[in-house]
Amino acid sequence: MVQEPAATSAPVEQAPVAATTPEPAAAAQSAVAAEPSGAAAARPKTIILDPGHGGDEIGAASAIAGLPNLLEKDSNLAFAKRLRELLETDGYRVLMTRETDGRAPGFTRPDQAAISSAGTPEGLTVSRSDLQARVDFANESRGDLFLSLHSNDSGSLDENGVEVWYCDDREVGQRNSIWAQIVLEHVLDALRGYGYPATNRGTKEDRYFRVRNGRNFHIFVLGPPNPEARHPRATMMPAALVENLFMRHARDQWVLRDPAAREAITQGMRQAVHRFFEWQDG
């Protein structure tokens, strides 16, 4: 679940977590697309995985009577670690915006006293400082592709399924849209193969993620820079944010707790990476 600014919650017991595109999705079974000849061929593609939330920002949570709670921040991190393992065996260079239950590398906590005395922060809030650190890490690492991993939540327990967000209002807007569609198709295909026909909630343009006082606000890690919204720098590579099922839906949350389902979702994201580069470099 995308959450801006950060939400805090009382500590809860945590559950263990098992670590339309240009061509048909089946083409994703092939190996990593070849790099161009020359100097570029020596550098493997760099994938930036962004496990959403962390630290005191837990995101959504699944609570089932008699079982430990499953926190979104932990689920996201487990997905990212397993996906990194798979992609590294495929020859990619894979970096994560966080590898522990904490904030991103380069995160600097704002001076809360200054924020409180000012009434409204003149700089970045804690959550936005963390998100900006993730963006900066992706850019400084020369990422070729960015995927933010989340699971969803809603005020309605009937909401379910998979959706993928992207930003069209960027220089790489078309690639963002195609990347989002590829991720969506492969995750849904993987879940069908597992035996769970998850609801297809589609791809969503992030300018409609949040509307406040008649103004639209992008998702921080996807959208363009906006100094007025305390967002000085943006990701410079194709990027998408996937919401892998709903943490509190009656069926989705059971699927998210099943190691076999989690592996299927991860394999779907893995194949999506292959497929995107086949399309882009082909």
C-alpha atoms as a PDB file:
ATOM      1  CA  MET A   1       0.000   0.000   0.000  1.00  0.00           C
ATOM      2  CA  VAL A   2       1.383   3.385  -0.955  1.00  0.00           C
ATOM      3  CA  GLN A   3       1.361   5.659   2.051  1.00  0.00           C
ATOM      4  CA  GLU A   4       2.352   9.335   2.045  1.00  0.00           C
ATOM      5  CA  PRO A   5       3.137  10.613   4.609  1.00  0.00           C
ATOM      6  CA  ALA A   6       4.182   7.744   6.844  1.00  0.00           C
ATOM      7  CA  ALA A   7       1.675   6.144   9.166  1.00  0.00           C
ATOM      8  CA  THR A   8       2.696   4.788  12.544  1.00  0.00           C
ATOM      9  CA  SER A   9       1.185   1.925  14.461  1.00  0.00           C
ATOM     10  CA  ALA A  10       1.571   0.178  17.785  1.00  0.00           C
ATOM     11  CA  PRO A  11       3.919  -2.819  17.686  1.00  0.00           C
ATOM     12  CA  VAL A  12       2.255  -6.055  16.633  1.00  0.00           C
ATOM     13  CA  GLU A  13       3.420  -9.649  16.431  1.00  0.00           C
ATOM     14  CA  GLN A  14       4.893 -10.356  13.038  1.00  0.00           C
ATOM     15  CA  ALA A  15       4.333 -13.395  10.874  1.00  0.00           C
ATOM     16  CA  PRO A  16       7.282 -15.176   9.231  1.00  0.00           C
ATOM     17  CA  VAL A  17       7.400 -14.590   5.500  1.00  0.00           C
ATOM     18  CA  ALA A  18       8.915 -17.005   2.990  1.00  0.00           C
ATOM     19  CA  ALA A  19      11.685 -15.496   1.593  1.00  0.00           C
ATOM     20  CA  THR A  20      -1.653  -5.517 -23.232  1.00  0.00           C
ATOM     21  CA  THR A  21       2.031  -5.689 -24.299  1.00  0.00           C
ATOM     22  CA  PRO A  22       3.672  -5.598 -27.729  1.00  0.00           C
ATOM     23  CA  GLU A  23       4.090  -9.404 -27.795  1.00  0.00           C
ATOM     24  CA  PRO A  24       2.612 -12.410 -25.943  1.00  0.00           C
ATOM     25  CA  ALA A  25       3.665 -12.924 -22.340  1.00  0.00           C
ATOM     26  CA  ALA A  26       5.037 -16.366 -23.159  1.00  0.00           C
ATOM     27  CA  ALA A  27       8.027 -14.731 -24.774  1.00  0.00           C
ATOM     28  CA  ALA A  28       9.250 -13.868 -21.288  1.00  0.00           C
ATOM     29  CA  GLN A  29      10.521 -17.405 -20.778  1.00  0.00           C
ATOM     30  CA  SER A  30      13.687 -16.594 -22.724  1.00  0.00           C
ATOM     31  CA  ALA A  31      16.889 -15.448 -21.091  1.00  0.00           C
ATOM     32  CA  VAL A  32      17.986 -11.892 -20.491  1.00  0.00           C
ATOM     33  CA  ALA A  33      18.039  -9.845 -23.685  1.00  0.00           C
ATOM     34  CA  ALA A  34      21.516  -9.269 -25.045  1.00  0.00           C
ATOM     35  CA  GLU A  35      23.157  -5.919 -24.437  1.00  0.00           C
ATOM     36  CA  PRO A  36      24.391  -3.907 -27.407  1.00  0.00           C
ATOM     37  CA  SER A  37      27.967  -4.551 -28.478  1.00  0.00           C
ATOM     38  CA  GLY A  38      30.782  -2.397 -27.168  1.00  0.00           C
ATOM     39  CA  ALA A  39      31.188  -0.816 -23.757  1.00  0.00           C
ATOM     40  CA  ALA A  40      27.504  -1.147 -22.880  1.00  0.00           C
ATOM     41  CA  ALA A  41      27.755  -4.928 -23.221  1.00  0.00           C
ATOM     42  CA  ALA A  42      30.161  -5.095 -20.281  1.00  0.00           C
ATOM     43  CA  ARG A  43      27.630  -3.587 -17.894  1.00  0.00           C
ATOM     44  CA  PRO A  44      24.712  -5.799 -16.878  1.00  0.00           C
ATOM     45  CA  LYS A  45      21.286  -4.236 -16.595  1.00  0.00           C
ATOM     46  CA  THR A  46      20.736  -2.716 -13.174  1.00  0.00           C
ATOM     47  CA  ILE A  47      17.377  -3.388 -11.533  1.00  0.00           C
ATOM     48  CA  ILE A  48      16.306  -1.267  -8.570  1.00  0.00           C
ATOM     49  CA  LEU A  49      13.861  -3.004  -6.233  1.00  0.00           C
ATOM     50  CA  ASP A  50      12.038  -0.777  -3.773  1.00  0.00           C
ATOM     51  CA  PRO A  51      10.379  -2.704  -0.901  1.00  0.00           C
ATOM     52  CA  GLY A  52       7.723  -0.252   0.273  1.00  0.00           C
ATOM     53  CA  HIS A  53       7.594   1.120   3.824  1.00  0.00           C
ATOM     54  CA  GLY A  54       9.988   0.055   6.614  1.00  0.00           C
ATOM     55  CA  GLY A  55      10.878   0.992  10.156  1.00  0.00           C
ATOM     56  CA  ASP A  56       7.984   2.595  11.988  1.00  0.00           C
ATOM     57  CA  GLU A  57       5.979   2.755   8.749  1.00  0.00           C
ATOM     58  CA  ILE A  58       4.381  -0.676   8.514  1.00  0.00           C
ATOM     59  CA  GLY A  59       2.022  -0.088   5.574  1.00  0.00           C
ATOM     60  CA  ALA A  60      -0.994  -2.408   5.583  1.00  0.00           C
ATOM     61  CA  ALA A  61      -1.397  -5.519   7.742  1.00  0.00           C
ATOM     62  CA  SER A  62      -3.163  -8.852   7.599  1.00  0.00           C
ATOM     63  CA  ALA A  63      -4.714 -10.072  10.844  1.00  0.00           C
ATOM     64  CA  ILE A  64      -6.218 -13.568  10.960  1.00  0.00           C
ATOM     65  CA  ALA A  65      -7.438 -15.007  14.250  1.00  0.00           C
ATOM     66  CA  GLY A  66      -5.008 -17.530  15.659  1.00  0.00           C
ATOM     67  CA  LEU A  67      -2.154 -16.504  13.337  1.00  0.00           C
ATOM     68  CA  PRO A  68       0.593 -13.903  13.697  1.00  0.00           C
ATOM     69  CA  ASN A  69      -0.070 -10.631  11.931  1.00  0.00           C
ATOM     70  CA  LEU A  70       1.533 -10.198   8.517  1.00  0.00           C
ATOM     71  CA  LEU A  71       2.918  -6.692   8.042  1.00  0.00           C
ATOM     72  CA  GLU A  72       3.173  -5.243   4.579  1.00  0.00           C
ATOM     73  CA  LYS A  73       6.659  -3.837   5.180  1.00  0.00           C
ATOM     74  CA  ASP A  74       7.933  -7.363   5.951  1.00  0.00           C
ATOM     75  CA  SER A  75       6.067  -8.926   3.055  1.00  0.00           C
ATOM     76  CA  ASN A  76       7.453  -6.340   0.633  1.00  0.00           C
ATOM     77  CA  LEU A  77      10.996  -6.923   1.837  1.00  0.00           C
ATOM     78  CA  ALA A  78      10.680 -10.709   1.539  1.00  0.00           C
ATOM     79  CA  PHE A  79       9.351 -10.381  -2.017  1.00  0.00           C
ATOM     80  CA  ALA A  80      12.248  -8.088  -2.945  1.00  0.00           C
ATOM     81  CA  LYS A  81      14.922 -10.348  -1.468  1.00  0.00           C
ATOM     82  CA  ARG A  82      13.625 -13.403  -3.307  1.00  0.00           C
ATOM     83  CA  LEU A  83      13.236 -11.464  -6.558  1.00  0.00           C
ATOM     84  CA  ARG A  84      16.795 -10.191  -6.231  1.00  0.00           C
ATOM     85  CA  GLU A  85      18.048 -13.742  -5.766  1.00  0.00           C
ATOM     86  CA  LEU A  86      16.281 -14.883  -8.925  1.00  0.00           C
ATOM     87  CA  LEU A  87      17.326 -11.918 -11.062  1.00  0.00           C
ATOM     88  CA  GLU A  88      20.948 -12.179  -9.975  1.00  0.00           C
ATOM     89  CA  THR A  89      21.023 -15.790 -11.181  1.00  0.00           C
ATOM     90  CA  ASP A  90      19.779 -14.425 -14.524  1.00  0.00           C
ATOM     91  CA  GLY A  91      22.768 -12.092 -14.780  1.00  0.00           C
ATOM     92  CA  TYR A  92      21.263  -8.807 -13.658  1.00  0.00           C
ATOM     93  CA  ARG A  93      22.796  -6.378 -11.210  1.00  0.00           C
ATOM     94  CA  VAL A  94      20.112  -5.939  -8.539  1.00  0.00           C
ATOM     95  CA  LEU A  95      20.059  -3.293  -5.824  1.00  0.00           C
ATOM     96  CA  MET A  96      17.450  -2.662  -3.140  1.00  0.00           C
ATOM     97  CA  THR A  97      16.427   0.650  -1.616  1.00  0.00           C
ATOM     98  CA  ARG A  98      16.378  -1.074   1.752  1.00  0.00           C
ATOM     99  CA  GLU A  99      17.620  -4.467   2.881  1.00  0.00           C
ATOM    100  CA  THR A 100      16.512  -4.315   6.512  1.00  0.00           C
ATOM    101  CA  ASP A 101      13.532  -3.089   8.476  1.00  0.00           C
ATOM    102  CA  GLY A 102      14.654   0.498   8.151  1.00  0.00           C
ATOM    103  CA  ARG A 103      14.927   3.491   5.858  1.00  0.00           C
ATOM    104  CA  ALA A 104      16.741   3.910   2.558  1.00  0.00           C
ATOM    105  CA  PRO A 105      20.506   4.493   2.256  1.00  0.00           C
ATOM    106  CA  GLY A 106      21.189   8.200   2.489  1.00  0.00           C
ATOM    107  CA  PHE A 107      18.071   8.881   4.560  1.00  0.00           C
ATOM    108  CA  THR A 108      18.477  11.804   6.933  1.00  0.00           C
ATOM    109  CA  ARG A 109      15.778  12.291   9.534  1.00  0.00           C
ATOM    110  CA  PRO A 110      14.457  15.858   9.477  1.00  0.00           C
ATOM    111  CA  ASP A 111      14.713  18.035  12.566  1.00  0.00           C
ATOM    112  CA  GLN A 112      11.355  17.427  14.195  1.00  0.00           C
ATOM    113  CA  ALA A 113      11.721  20.408  16.513  1.00  0.00           C
ATOM    114  CA  ALA A 114      12.153  22.718  13.525  1.00  0.00           C
ATOM    115  CA  ILE A 115       9.182  21.129  11.769  1.00  0.00           C
ATOM    116  CA  SER A 116       6.979  21.514  14.847  1.00  0.00           C
ATOM    117  CA  SER A 117       7.949  25.130  15.473  1.00  0.00           C
ATOM    118  CA  ALA A 118       7.328  26.053  11.850  1.00  0.00           C
ATOM    119  CA  GLY A 119       3.828  24.616  11.891  1.00  0.00           C
ATOM    120  CA  THR A 120       4.306  23.227   8.380  1.00  0.00           C
ATOM    121  CA  PRO A 121       7.641  21.737   7.306  1.00  0.00           C
ATOM    122  CA  GLU A 122       9.737  23.867   4.996  1.00  0.00           C
ATOM    123  CA  GLY A 123      11.755  20.825   3.985  1.00  0.00           C
ATOM    124  CA  LEU A 124      10.996  17.131   3.633  1.00  0.00           C
ATOM    125  CA  THR A 125       8.870  15.277   6.158  1.00  0.00           C
ATOM    126  CA  VAL A 126      10.231  12.001   7.544  1.00  0.00           C
ATOM    127  CA  SER A 127       8.310   9.940   4.973  1.00  0.00           C
ATOM    128  CA  ARG A 128       9.230  12.159   2.044  1.00  0.00           C
ATOM    129  CA  SER A 129      12.866  12.303   3.111  1.00  0.00           C
ATOM    130  CA  ASP A 130      12.913   8.503   2.995  1.00  0.00           C
ATOM    131  CA  LEU A 131      11.206   8.431  -0.412  1.00  0.00           C
ATOM    132  CA  GLN A 132      13.616  11.026  -1.804  1.00  0.00           C
ATOM    133  CA  ALA A 133      16.523   8.924  -0.533  1.00  0.00           C
ATOM    134  CA  ARG A 134      15.109   5.958  -2.447  1.00  0.00           C
ATOM    135  CA  VAL A 135      14.840   8.008  -5.631  1.00  0.00           C
ATOM    136  CA  ASP A 136      18.380   9.352  -5.213  1.00  0.00           C
ATOM    137  CA  PHE A 137      19.736   5.859  -4.541  1.00  0.00           C
ATOM    138  CA  ALA A 138      18.133   4.561  -7.746  1.00  0.00           C
ATOM    139  CA  ASN A 139      19.590   7.397  -9.810  1.00  0.00           C
ATOM    140  CA  GLU A 140      23.053   7.275  -8.251  1.00  0.00           C
ATOM    141  CA  SER A 141      23.127   3.513  -8.864  1.00  0.00           C
ATOM    142  CA  ARG A 142      22.471   4.108 -12.586  1.00  0.00           C
ATOM    143  CA  GLY A 143      19.372   1.943 -12.506  1.00  0.00           C
ATOM    144  CA  ASP A 144      17.938   0.751 -15.811  1.00  0.00           C
ATOM    145  CA  LEU A 145      14.583  -0.275 -14.361  1.00  0.00           C
ATOM    146  CA  PHE A 146      12.725   0.474 -11.107  1.00  0.00           C
ATOM    147  CA  LEU A 147      10.035  -1.582  -9.393  1.00  0.00           C
ATOM    148  CA  SER A 148       8.414  -0.584  -6.106  1.00  0.00           C
ATOM    149  CA  LEU A 149       6.828  -3.543  -4.317  1.00  0.00           C
ATOM    150  CA  HIS A 150       3.691  -3.139  -2.218  1.00  0.00           C
ATOM    151  CA  SER A 151       0.455  -4.866  -1.256  1.00  0.00           C
ATOM    152  CA  ASN A 152      -2.807  -2.999  -1.072  1.00  0.00           C
ATOM    153  CA  ASP A 153      -5.328  -1.909   1.542  1.00  0.00           C
ATOM    154  CA  SER A 154      -8.738  -0.313   1.453  1.00  0.00           C
ATOM    155  CA  GLY A 155     -11.502   0.913   3.707  1.00  0.00           C
ATOM    156  CA  SER A 156     -13.633  -1.790   2.065  1.00  0.00           C
ATOM    157  CA  LEU A 157     -12.774  -5.401   2.836  1.00  0.00           C
ATOM    158  CA  ASP A 158     -14.319  -6.359  -0.522  1.00  0.00           C
ATOM    159  CA  GLU A 159     -11.498  -4.723  -2.503  1.00  0.00           C
ATOM    160  CA  ASN A 160      -9.120  -7.312  -3.966  1.00  0.00           C
ATOM    161  CA  GLY A 161      -6.732  -8.068  -6.800  1.00  0.00           C
ATOM    162  CA  VAL A 162      -3.582  -6.731  -8.438  1.00  0.00           C
ATOM    163  CA  GLU A 163      -2.915  -3.279  -9.871  1.00  0.00           C
ATOM    164  CA  VAL A 164       0.181  -1.496 -11.152  1.00  0.00           C
ATOM    165  CA  TRP A 165       0.822   2.248 -11.081  1.00  0.00           C
ATOM    166  CA  TYR A 166       2.977   4.243 -13.487  1.00  0.00           C
ATOM    167  CA  CYS A 167       3.603   7.884 -14.410  1.00  0.00           C
ATOM    168  CA  ASP A 168       2.851   9.038 -17.933  1.00  0.00           C
ATOM    169  CA  ASP A 169       3.972  12.604 -17.225  1.00  0.00           C
ATOM    170  CA  ARG A 170       7.661  11.813 -17.753  1.00  0.00           C
ATOM    171  CA  GLU A 171      10.220  11.646 -20.554  1.00  0.00           C
ATOM    172  CA  VAL A 172       9.987   7.848 -20.270  1.00  0.00           C
ATOM    173  CA  GLY A 173       6.198   7.872 -19.935  1.00  0.00           C
ATOM    174  CA  GLN A 174       5.537   5.384 -22.740  1.00  0.00           C
ATOM    175  CA  ARG A 175       8.080   2.952 -21.341  1.00  0.00           C
ATOM    176  CA  ASN A 176       6.568   3.392 -17.872  1.00  0.00           C
ATOM    177  CA  SER A 177       3.147   2.452 -19.229  1.00  0.00           C
ATOM    178  CA  ILE A 178       4.461  -0.622 -21.031  1.00  0.00           C
ATOM    179  CA  TRP A 179       6.532  -1.697 -18.026  1.00  0.00           C
ATOM    180  CA  ALA A 180       3.444  -1.448 -15.788  1.00  0.00           C
ATOM    181  CA  GLN A 181       1.339  -3.476 -18.215  1.00  0.00           C
ATOM    182  CA  ILE A 182       3.979  -6.184 -18.490  1.00  0.00           C
ATOM    183  CA  VAL A 183       4.241  -6.481 -14.697  1.00  0.00           C
ATOM    184  CA  LEU A 184       0.469  -6.701 -14.353  1.00  0.00           C
ATOM    185  CA  GLU A 185       0.100  -9.398 -17.003  1.00  0.00           C
ATOM    186  CA  HIS A 186       2.887 -11.564 -15.661  1.00  0.00           C
ATOM    187  CA  VAL A 187       1.816 -11.391 -12.018  1.00  0.00           C
ATOM    188  CA  LEU A 188      -1.776 -12.242 -12.953  1.00  0.00           C
ATOM    189  CA  ASP A 189      -0.603 -15.085 -15.211  1.00  0.00           C
ATOM    190  CA  ALA A 190       1.580 -16.436 -12.409  1.00  0.00           C
ATOM    191  CA  LEU A 191      -1.307 -16.353  -9.933  1.00  0.00           C
ATOM    192  CA  ARG A 192      -3.560 -18.152 -12.414  1.00  0.00           C
ATOM    193  CA  GLY A 193      -0.881 -20.809 -12.788  1.00  0.00           C
ATOM    194  CA  TYR A 194      -0.808 -21.145  -9.008  1.00  0.00           C
ATOM    195  CA  GLY A 195      -4.575 -21.634  -9.058  1.00  0.00           C
ATOM    196  CA  TYR A 196      -5.834 -18.227  -7.949  1.00  0.00           C
ATOM    197  CA  PRO A 197      -7.550 -16.078 -10.604  1.00  0.00           C
ATOM    198  CA  ALA A 198      -6.851 -12.716  -8.964  1.00  0.00           C
ATOM    199  CA  THR A 199      -8.898  -9.707  -9.987  1.00  0.00           C
ATOM    200  CA  ASN A 200      -7.272  -7.618 -12.698  1.00  0.00           C
ATOM    201  CA  ARG A 201      -7.505  -4.042 -11.423  1.00  0.00           C
ATOM    202  CA  GLY A 202      -5.513  -2.742 -14.377  1.00  0.00           C
ATOM    203  CA  THR A 203      -2.712  -0.254 -14.726  1.00  0.00           C
ATOM    204  CA  LYS A 204      -3.282   3.181 -13.245  1.00  0.00           C
ATOM    205  CA  GLU A 205      -1.771   6.550 -14.119  1.00  0.00           C
ATOM    206  CA  ASP A 206      -0.338   7.957 -10.909  1.00  0.00           C
ATOM    207  CA  ARG A 207      -1.517  11.535 -11.371  1.00  0.00           C
ATOM    208  CA  TYR A 208      -4.882  10.227 -10.146  1.00  0.00           C
ATOM    209  CA  PHE A 209      -3.445   8.526  -7.070  1.00  0.00           C
ATOM    210  CA  ARG A 210      -4.269  11.412  -4.764  1.00  0.00           C
ATOM    211  CA  VAL A 211      -6.491  14.447  -5.252  1.00  0.00           C
ATOM    212  CA  ARG A 212      -6.475  17.143  -2.595  1.00  0.00           C
ATOM    213  CA  ASN A 213      -8.124  20.561  -2.754  1.00  0.00           C
ATOM    214  CA  GLY A 214      -8.738  20.126  -6.451  1.00  0.00           C
ATOM    215  CA  ARG A 215      -5.083  19.283  -7.187  1.00  0.00           C
ATOM    216  CA  ASN A 216      -3.598  15.991  -8.343  1.00  0.00           C
ATOM    217  CA  PHE A 217      -0.482  14.564  -6.690  1.00  0.00           C
ATOM    218  CA  HIS A 218       1.753  11.874  -8.168  1.00  0.00           C
ATOM    219  CA  ILE A 219       3.190   8.901  -6.307  1.00  0.00           C
ATOM    220  CA  PHE A 220       6.535  10.142  -5.015  1.00  0.00           C
ATOM    221  CA  VAL A 221       8.809   7.418  -6.423  1.00  0.00           C
ATOM    222  CA  LEU A 222       7.119   7.545  -9.840  1.00  0.00           C
ATOM    223  CA  GLY A 223       6.168  11.142 -10.482  1.00  0.00           C
ATOM    224  CA  PRO A 224       8.075  14.130 -11.879  1.00  0.00           C
ATOM    225  CA  PRO A 225       9.967  16.526  -9.613  1.00  0.00           C
ATOM    226  CA  ASN A 226       7.729  19.022  -7.860  1.00  0.00           C
ATOM    227  CA  PRO A 227       9.462  21.457  -5.495  1.00  0.00           C
ATOM    228  CA  GLU A 228       6.077  22.778  -4.339  1.00  0.00           C
ATOM    229  CA  ALA A 229       5.277  19.299  -3.021  1.00  0.00           C
ATOM    230  CA  ARG A 230       8.762  18.920  -1.473  1.00  0.00           C
ATOM    231  CA  HIS A 231       9.833  16.534  -4.259  1.00  0.00           C
ATOM    232  CA  PRO A 232      13.075  17.993  -5.683  1.00  0.00           C
ATOM    233  CA  ARG A 233      14.317  14.995  -7.735  1.00  0.00           C
ATOM    234  CA  ALA A 234      12.624  12.144  -9.632  1.00  0.00           C
ATOM    235  CA  THR A 235      13.577   8.662 -10.800  1.00  0.00           C
ATOM    236  CA  MET A 236      15.352   8.800 -14.161  1.00  0.00           C
ATOM    237  CA  MET A 237      14.579   5.281 -15.418  1.00  0.00           C
ATOM    238  CA  PRO A 238      11.363   3.434 -16.363  1.00  0.00           C
ATOM    239  CA  ALA A 239       9.467   2.818 -13.143  1.00  0.00           C
ATOM    240  CA  ALA A 240       6.320   1.148 -11.856  1.00  0.00           C
ATOM    241  CA  LEU A 241       4.725   0.326  -8.517  1.00  0.00           C
ATOM    242  CA  VAL A 242       2.951  -3.009  -8.119  1.00  0.00           C
ATOM    243  CA  GLU A 243       0.247  -3.691  -5.532  1.00  0.00           C
ATOM    244  CA  ASN A 244       0.368  -7.462  -5.065  1.00  0.00           C
ATOM    245  CA  LEU A 245      -3.118  -8.272  -3.718  1.00  0.00           C
ATOM    246  CA  PHE A 246      -4.910  -6.795  -0.691  1.00  0.00           C
ATOM    247  CA  MET A 247      -3.635  -7.404   2.820  1.00  0.00           C
ATOM    248  CA  ARG A 248      -7.094  -7.572   4.416  1.00  0.00           C
ATOM    249  CA  HIS A 249      -9.263  -9.192   1.738  1.00  0.00           C
ATOM    250  CA  ALA A 250     -10.635 -12.568   2.858  1.00  0.00           C
ATOM    251  CA  ARG A 251      -8.984 -14.566   0.051  1.00  0.00           C
ATOM    252  CA  ASP A 252      -6.075 -12.338  -0.990  1.00  0.00           C
ATOM    253  CA  GLN A 253      -4.526 -12.344   2.474  1.00  0.00           C
ATOM    254  CA  TRP A 254      -4.480 -16.140   2.624  1.00  0.00           C
ATOM    255  CA  VAL A 255      -2.751 -16.225  -0.751  1.00  0.00           C
ATOM    256  CA  LEU A 256      -0.143 -13.741   0.474  1.00  0.00           C
ATOM    257  CA  ARG A 257       0.618 -16.088   3.374  1.00  0.00           C
ATOM    258  CA  ASP A 258       1.152 -19.143   1.148  1.00  0.00           C
ATOM    259  CA  PRO A 259       4.833 -19.670   0.228  1.00  0.00           C
ATOM    260  CA  ALA A 260       3.841 -21.310  -3.070  1.00  0.00           C
ATOM    261  CA  ALA A 261       1.746 -18.305  -4.050  1.00  0.00           C
ATOM    262  CA  ARG A 262       4.481 -15.899  -3.062  1.00  0.00           C
ATOM    263  CA  GLU A 263       6.952 -17.811  -5.207  1.00  0.00           C
ATOM    264  CA  ALA A 264       4.521 -17.665  -8.124  1.00  0.00           C
ATOM    265  CA  ILE A 265       4.124 -13.892  -7.765  1.00  0.00           C
ATOM    266  CA  THR A 266       7.894 -13.464  -7.560  1.00  0.00           C
ATOM    267  CA  GLN A 267       8.458 -15.593 -10.636  1.00  0.00           C
ATOM    268  CA  GLY A 268       5.887 -13.457 -12.436  1.00  0.00           C
ATOM    269  CA  MET A 269       7.804 -10.292 -11.584  1.00  0.00           C
ATOM    270  CA  ARG A 270      11.029 -11.980 -12.670  1.00  0.00           C
ATOM    271  CA  GLN A 271       9.595 -12.849 -16.067  1.00  0.00           C
ATOM    272  CA  ALA A 272       8.247  -9.321 -16.401  1.00  0.00           C
ATOM    273  CA  VAL A 273      11.781  -7.948 -16.125  1.00  0.00           C
ATOM    274  CA  HIS A 274      12.958 -10.275 -18.904  1.00  0.00           C
ATOM    275  CA  ARG A 275      10.001  -9.381 -21.079  1.00  0.00           C
ATOM    276  CA  PHE A 276      10.472  -5.633 -20.664  1.00  0.00           C
ATOM    277  CA  PHE A 277      14.074  -5.719 -21.843  1.00  0.00           C
ATOM    278  CA  GLU A 278      13.164  -8.012 -24.740  1.00  0.00           C
ATOM    279  CA  TRP A 279      10.652  -5.393 -25.822  1.00  0.00           C
ATOM    280  CA  GLN A 280      12.912  -2.384 -25.181  1.00  0.00           C
ATOM    281  CA  ASP A 281      16.098  -3.807 -26.673  1.00  0.00           C
ATOM    282  CA  GLY A 282      14.531  -5.944 -29.371  1.00  0.00           C
END
